[in-house]
Amino acid sequence: MRSFLAGLLILALSSVAMAQVRGEVESTATPGKATFVYYAKPFKSLFKLTRVDGTQITAGFDGKVSWTVTSKDAEIDKDTPLDAIRRDADLQYPLHQSDYFKKLELAGISDFEGHRCYWLHGTTNWGKDNNQFYDVQTGLLAGYRFQSDDGSKTLTFAIFEDYRNFGGPMIATRKTTRAGNNSRTFIYKSVSYEPLADSIFEFPPAVKALVK
């Protein structure tokens, strides 16, 4: 499940303490549109996906444990480095970006998905190649090219488009990830920065049984 979220749900809202996002997901692997809701606080997250057939996938992180619950079972992520999961749940990522890299430097100017971009090339603290592309004209993040954070070396592209303001910083409301022949697109319909109760991020019973 972590690979499903990688590169897409990093909100990177340096001036925001919490967020709630609702939207749709389109995938080349599944017909129709799924819907999702995502709740986030610094280093805490909850993601709920409802498929076209009504089945659900729920994934969360409480700062220490990353978990997923499907209609079949519950699972704790033991393959992805904890620092990688914490980065994805870091709402102040722009302020802490260097903390996650053993090397991060300007590699020049490069084309990325039709944009002329400043290219930052880095190696994460857990040894993965990571490339970031910022549009030369707007300064906005155009996308990532990175190795998956799990044990595989899958190369993934994440493209960020349609920036909008929902009462906070500008954020991309269309985020597409491509790995091989498969792609998924998250489309943000609404974003709220209202307070969230800590209880939202508590383990569901199936996960509590695994943590004990």
Protein backbone atom coordinates (compact mmCIF):
# COMPACT_ATOMS: atom_id res chain seq x y z
CA MET A 1 0.00 0.00 0.00
CA ARG A 2 2.89 2.36 0.72
CA SER A 3 3.91 2.27 -2.96
CA PHE A 4 0.34 3.26 -3.84
CA LEU A 5 0.77 6.47 -1.89
CA ALA A 6 4.41 7.24 -2.60
CA GLY A 7 4.98 10.63 -4.16
CA LEU A 8 1.29 11.51 -4.20
CA LEU A 9 0.15 12.34 -0.73
CA ILE A 10 3.10 14.39 0.41
CA LEU A 11 1.21 17.64 0.89
CA ALA A 12 4.36 19.64 1.74
CA LEU A 13 2.39 22.40 3.42
CA SER A 14 5.04 24.30 5.32
CA SER A 15 2.55 26.68 6.98
CA VAL A 16 -0.17 24.10 7.77
CA ALA A 17 -0.54 21.98 10.91
CA MET A 18 -3.23 19.60 9.64
CA ALA A 19 -5.24 18.88 6.51
CA GLN A 20 -8.17 16.89 5.15
CA VAL A 21 -8.31 16.07 1.44
CA ARG A 22 -11.15 14.49 -0.53
CA GLY A 23 -11.02 13.43 -4.14
CA GLU A 24 -11.02 10.75 -6.83
CA VAL A 25 -8.55 8.20 -8.11
CA GLU A 26 -8.23 6.90 -11.65
CA SER A 27 -6.06 3.87 -12.43
CA THR A 28 -5.02 2.08 -15.60
CA ALA A 29 -5.45 -1.20 -13.71
CA THR A 30 -9.08 -0.64 -12.68
CA PRO A 31 -12.02 0.82 -14.63
CA GLY A 32 -14.03 3.67 -13.17
CA LYS A 33 -13.17 6.16 -10.45
CA ALA A 34 -12.49 5.38 -6.83
CA THR A 35 -12.91 8.02 -4.13
CA PHE A 36 -10.63 8.82 -1.25
CA VAL A 37 -10.32 10.89 1.90
CA TYR A 38 -6.98 11.67 3.49
CA TYR A 39 -6.35 13.09 6.97
CA ALA A 40 -2.96 14.41 8.00
CA LYS A 41 -1.15 15.88 10.98
CA PRO A 42 2.63 16.13 11.33
CA PHE A 43 3.88 12.52 11.17
CA LYS A 44 0.38 11.09 11.34
CA SER A 45 -1.89 10.11 8.45
CA LEU A 46 -5.03 8.18 7.56
CA PHE A 47 -6.05 7.30 4.01
CA LYS A 48 -9.38 5.71 3.07
CA LEU A 49 -10.01 4.51 -0.48
CA THR A 50 -13.43 3.33 -1.67
CA ARG A 51 -13.34 1.35 -4.92
CA VAL A 52 -16.04 1.41 -7.58
CA ASP A 53 -17.43 -1.90 -6.25
CA GLY A 54 -17.74 -0.44 -2.75
CA THR A 55 -14.83 -2.30 -1.15
CA GLN A 56 -12.43 -0.25 0.94
CA ILE A 57 -8.74 0.01 1.68
CA THR A 58 -7.60 1.93 4.74
CA ALA A 59 -3.98 2.84 5.47
CA GLY A 60 -2.54 4.78 8.38
CA PHE A 61 0.55 5.90 10.23
CA ASP A 62 0.73 7.00 13.86
CA GLY A 63 4.35 8.18 13.82
CA LYS A 64 5.78 4.73 14.52
CA VAL A 65 3.67 2.07 12.80
CA SER A 66 2.47 2.03 9.17
CA TRP A 67 -0.48 -0.25 8.52
CA THR A 68 -3.06 -1.26 5.90
CA VAL A 69 -6.49 -2.89 6.24
CA THR A 70 -8.34 -4.43 3.28
CA SER A 71 -11.49 -6.57 3.08
CA LYS A 72 -9.21 -9.61 3.39
CA ASP A 73 -6.77 -8.80 6.18
CA ALA A 74 -4.67 -6.28 8.07
CA GLU A 75 -0.94 -5.79 7.55
CA ILE A 76 1.88 -3.81 9.13
CA ASP A 77 4.51 -2.44 6.75
CA LYS A 78 7.86 -3.93 7.69
CA ASP A 79 9.54 -3.41 4.30
CA THR A 80 9.62 0.38 3.97
CA PRO A 81 12.20 2.28 6.07
CA LEU A 82 10.53 4.22 8.89
CA ASP A 83 12.29 7.44 7.81
CA ALA A 84 10.68 7.15 4.38
CA ILE A 85 7.23 6.76 5.90
CA ARG A 86 7.84 9.67 8.27
CA ARG A 87 8.90 11.83 5.32
CA ASP A 88 5.64 11.08 3.51
CA ALA A 89 3.76 12.14 6.66
CA ASP A 90 5.81 15.30 7.22
CA LEU A 91 3.53 18.30 6.59
CA GLN A 92 6.52 20.62 7.02
CA TYR A 93 8.64 18.68 4.52
CA PRO A 94 10.05 21.82 2.81
CA LEU A 95 11.51 22.89 6.14
CA HIS A 96 13.01 19.46 6.90
CA GLN A 97 13.92 18.24 3.41
CA SER A 98 17.67 18.05 4.02
CA ASP A 99 17.07 15.81 7.06
CA TYR A 100 16.04 12.95 4.76
CA PHE A 101 19.05 13.06 2.42
CA LYS A 102 22.67 12.06 2.71
CA LYS A 103 23.19 14.05 -0.51
CA LEU A 104 20.98 16.62 -2.28
CA GLU A 105 22.37 19.03 -4.87
CA LEU A 106 21.44 21.06 -7.91
CA ALA A 107 22.20 18.92 -10.96
CA GLY A 108 21.35 21.57 -13.56
CA ILE A 109 18.34 22.41 -15.72
CA SER A 110 16.43 19.58 -17.37
CA ASP A 111 13.18 18.87 -19.23
CA PHE A 112 10.55 17.01 -17.22
CA GLU A 113 7.11 16.16 -18.60
CA GLY A 114 7.10 19.19 -20.91
CA HIS A 115 8.48 21.61 -18.32
CA ARG A 116 11.87 23.28 -18.23
CA CYS A 117 12.96 22.57 -14.67
CA TYR A 118 15.62 23.02 -12.06
CA TRP A 119 16.79 19.48 -11.31
CA LEU A 120 17.71 18.47 -7.78
CA HIS A 121 19.41 15.09 -7.50
CA GLY A 122 19.74 13.32 -4.19
CA THR A 123 20.32 10.08 -2.36
CA THR A 124 18.07 9.45 0.63
CA ASN A 125 19.40 8.40 4.01
CA TRP A 126 18.10 4.90 3.23
CA GLY A 127 20.04 4.73 -0.05
CA LYS A 128 17.42 5.47 -2.72
CA ASP A 129 17.96 7.66 -5.77
CA ASN A 130 15.62 10.67 -5.70
CA ASN A 131 15.18 13.42 -8.29
CA GLN A 132 13.06 16.55 -7.93
CA PHE A 133 12.05 18.93 -10.73
CA TYR A 134 10.92 22.53 -10.16
CA ASP A 135 9.47 24.58 -13.00
CA VAL A 136 11.93 27.33 -14.01
CA GLN A 137 9.16 29.85 -14.71
CA THR A 138 6.86 29.29 -11.73
CA GLY A 139 9.15 27.67 -9.16
CA LEU A 140 6.42 25.08 -8.50
CA LEU A 141 7.21 21.39 -8.12
CA ALA A 142 6.61 19.68 -11.48
CA GLY A 143 7.40 16.18 -10.26
CA TYR A 144 9.67 13.47 -8.93
CA ARG A 145 11.60 10.57 -10.41
CA PHE A 146 12.62 8.14 -7.69
CA GLN A 147 13.40 4.58 -6.71
CA SER A 148 10.69 2.94 -4.63
CA ASP A 149 11.38 3.11 -0.91
CA ASP A 150 10.66 -0.57 -0.33
CA GLY A 151 13.06 -3.40 -1.15
CA SER A 152 12.48 -3.15 -4.90
CA LYS A 153 14.28 -0.83 -7.27
CA THR A 154 11.14 0.16 -9.18
CA LEU A 155 11.53 3.53 -10.91
CA THR A 156 8.53 5.75 -10.33
CA PHE A 157 7.53 9.07 -11.89
CA ALA A 158 5.21 11.44 -10.01
CA ILE A 159 3.75 14.40 -11.94
CA PHE A 160 2.18 17.39 -10.12
CA GLU A 161 -0.30 19.60 -12.01
CA ASP A 162 -3.23 22.02 -11.68
CA TYR A 163 -2.04 24.02 -8.69
CA ARG A 164 -4.77 25.74 -6.67
CA ASN A 165 -5.20 27.60 -3.41
CA PHE A 166 -7.73 26.33 -0.85
CA GLY A 167 -7.03 29.02 1.72
CA GLY A 168 -3.47 27.92 2.38
CA PRO A 169 -0.38 27.49 0.18
CA MET A 170 -0.62 26.53 -3.49
CA ILE A 171 -0.93 22.77 -3.89
CA ALA A 172 -1.15 20.43 -6.88
CA THR A 173 -4.68 19.10 -7.27
CA ARG A 174 -3.80 16.51 -9.91
CA LYS A 175 -1.04 14.03 -9.04
CA THR A 176 -0.14 11.16 -11.35
CA THR A 177 2.26 8.36 -10.57
CA ARG A 178 3.70 6.03 -13.22
CA ALA A 179 5.65 2.83 -12.66
CA GLY A 180 6.20 0.67 -15.72
CA ASN A 181 2.93 0.38 -17.66
CA ASN A 182 0.77 1.25 -14.67
CA SER A 183 -0.38 4.70 -13.65
CA ARG A 184 -2.69 6.25 -11.06
CA THR A 185 -4.02 9.79 -10.87
CA PHE A 186 -5.25 11.45 -7.70
CA ILE A 187 -7.60 14.40 -8.28
CA TYR A 188 -8.19 16.68 -5.29
CA LYS A 189 -11.77 17.94 -5.04
CA SER A 190 -11.54 19.69 -1.67
CA VAL A 191 -8.91 20.55 0.91
CA SER A 192 -9.67 21.68 4.47
CA TYR A 193 -7.33 22.84 7.23
CA GLU A 194 -9.81 22.50 10.10
CA PRO A 195 -8.64 20.87 13.36
CA LEU A 196 -8.54 17.06 13.46
CA ALA A 197 -9.02 14.92 16.56
CA ASP A 198 -6.13 12.62 17.49
CA SER A 199 -8.62 9.75 17.70
CA ILE A 200 -8.81 9.74 13.88
CA PHE A 201 -5.33 8.23 13.78
CA GLU A 202 -5.89 5.47 16.34
CA PHE A 203 -5.37 1.85 15.24
CA PRO A 204 -8.48 -0.06 14.12
CA PRO A 205 -9.08 -3.33 16.04
CA ALA A 206 -7.47 -5.52 13.35
CA VAL A 207 -4.26 -3.52 13.57
CA LYS A 208 -4.27 -3.40 17.37
CA ALA A 209 -4.26 -7.19 17.32
CA LEU A 210 -1.07 -7.18 15.23
CA VAL A 211 0.72 -4.54 17.29
CA LYS A 212 0.26 -6.33 20.61
